[in-house]
Amino acid sequence: MEAYKKLVVIVALVLLALAIESEASVVNNEQSFCRMTKEGLNACAPAVSGQNPLPPSALCCSALKTADFQCLCLFKKYSNLLSAYGIDPNLAMQLPAKCNLGQPIRC
């Protein structure tokens, strides 16, 4: 049974890696992730990390306008992965509402 659990974890990691690879792209020589640039992701970091998150910046909200929320939902399912990078998945899902871009993301 233990070997089965390890196999399931390995398959899940491979699928996650494939999803990451398919969602990462290069546009105008700039790498993007779920249609957000590295600059946009960095701009949103203070709003989704730490115990005292800051309100999202204008640059963060601008980056969210082009984000692929279904892609981002994939990573919410693996919230322990986000947490390892200091991202609070619940705060991340609230960003669209905080940026007046609609309701929080529902995955």
Protein backbone atom coordinates (compact mmCIF):
# COMPACT_ATOMS: atom_id res chain seq x y z
CA MET A 1 0.00 0.00 0.00
CA GLU A 2 2.89 2.37 0.80
CA ALA A 3 4.34 1.84 -2.69
CA TYR A 4 0.93 2.75 -4.18
CA LYS A 5 0.87 6.04 -2.25
CA LYS A 6 4.36 6.88 -3.48
CA LEU A 7 3.33 6.13 -7.05
CA VAL A 8 0.29 8.40 -6.74
CA VAL A 9 2.47 11.22 -5.40
CA ILE A 10 4.99 10.76 -8.23
CA VAL A 11 2.24 10.78 -10.87
CA ALA A 12 0.70 13.91 -9.32
CA LEU A 13 4.07 15.68 -9.35
CA VAL A 14 4.67 14.73 -12.98
CA LEU A 15 1.22 16.02 -13.95
CA LEU A 16 1.86 19.24 -12.03
CA ALA A 17 5.20 19.68 -13.77
CA LEU A 18 3.54 19.18 -17.15
CA ALA A 19 0.84 21.70 -16.25
CA ILE A 20 3.44 24.23 -15.15
CA GLU A 21 5.40 23.74 -18.36
CA SER A 22 2.29 24.14 -20.51
CA GLU A 23 1.18 27.28 -18.67
CA ALA A 24 4.58 28.94 -18.65
CA SER A 25 5.28 30.75 -21.87
CA VAL A 26 7.56 33.36 -23.34
CA VAL A 27 5.99 36.50 -24.78
CA ASN A 28 8.18 39.28 -26.17
CA ASN A 29 11.24 37.63 -24.56
CA GLU A 30 9.54 37.81 -21.16
CA GLN A 31 8.58 34.66 -19.31
CA SER A 32 5.01 34.47 -18.06
CA PHE A 33 3.14 32.16 -15.75
CA CYS A 34 -0.63 31.75 -16.07
CA ARG A 35 -0.41 34.83 -18.30
CA MET A 36 1.23 36.92 -15.57
CA THR A 37 4.76 38.23 -16.03
CA LYS A 38 7.44 37.74 -13.42
CA GLU A 39 7.18 41.48 -12.71
CA GLY A 40 3.43 41.12 -12.13
CA LEU A 41 3.89 38.09 -9.87
CA ASN A 42 6.52 39.94 -7.86
CA ALA A 43 4.21 42.95 -7.56
CA CYS A 44 1.50 40.73 -6.06
CA ALA A 45 3.81 38.95 -3.61
CA PRO A 46 3.36 41.42 -0.70
CA ALA A 47 -0.42 41.03 -0.98
CA VAL A 48 -0.39 37.23 -0.66
CA SER A 49 2.42 36.51 1.75
CA GLY A 50 3.31 37.08 5.36
CA GLN A 51 1.15 37.52 8.39
CA ASN A 52 0.41 41.17 7.59
CA PRO A 53 -0.23 41.25 3.84
CA LEU A 54 -0.33 44.62 2.13
CA PRO A 55 -3.11 45.76 -0.19
CA PRO A 56 -2.38 44.84 -3.82
CA SER A 57 -0.46 47.48 -5.73
CA ALA A 58 -1.63 49.07 -8.99
CA LEU A 59 0.99 47.00 -10.84
CA CYS A 60 -0.35 43.80 -9.24
CA CYS A 61 -3.93 44.66 -10.19
CA SER A 62 -2.86 45.49 -13.73
CA ALA A 63 -1.11 42.12 -14.03
CA LEU A 64 -4.23 40.34 -12.78
CA LYS A 65 -6.26 41.76 -15.66
CA THR A 66 -4.55 39.32 -18.03
CA ALA A 67 -4.16 36.40 -15.61
CA ASP A 68 -5.58 32.99 -16.42
CA PHE A 69 -7.55 32.25 -13.26
CA GLN A 70 -8.29 28.64 -14.20
CA CYS A 71 -4.55 28.08 -14.45
CA LEU A 72 -4.09 29.67 -11.03
CA CYS A 73 -6.82 27.41 -9.64
CA LEU A 74 -4.72 24.41 -10.54
CA PHE A 75 -2.11 25.62 -8.08
CA LYS A 76 -4.66 26.30 -5.35
CA LYS A 77 -5.42 22.58 -5.42
CA TYR A 78 -1.79 22.09 -4.45
CA SER A 79 -1.86 24.78 -1.76
CA ASN A 80 1.02 23.15 0.12
CA LEU A 81 3.18 23.96 -2.92
CA LEU A 82 2.11 27.61 -2.75
CA SER A 83 2.67 27.68 1.00
CA ALA A 84 6.21 26.43 0.48
CA TYR A 85 6.85 29.63 -1.48
CA GLY A 86 5.27 31.80 1.23
CA ILE A 87 2.02 32.32 -0.68
CA ASP A 88 -1.26 32.13 1.21
CA PRO A 89 -3.65 30.52 -1.32
CA ASN A 90 -6.70 32.10 0.31
CA LEU A 91 -5.21 35.59 0.03
CA ALA A 92 -4.26 34.91 -3.57
CA MET A 93 -7.84 33.94 -4.46
CA GLN A 94 -9.09 37.22 -2.96
CA LEU A 95 -6.90 39.45 -5.15
CA PRO A 96 -9.40 39.98 -8.01
CA ALA A 97 -12.00 41.32 -5.58
CA LYS A 98 -9.42 43.52 -3.84
CA CYS A 99 -8.43 44.91 -7.25
CA ASN A 100 -12.09 45.54 -8.17
CA LEU A 101 -11.86 42.97 -10.96
CA GLY A 102 -14.88 40.98 -9.83
CA GLN A 103 -15.53 38.30 -7.29
CA PRO A 104 -12.81 36.30 -5.54
CA ILE A 105 -11.60 33.36 -7.61
CA ARG A 106 -13.77 30.27 -7.13
CA CYS A 107 -12.00 27.04 -7.92
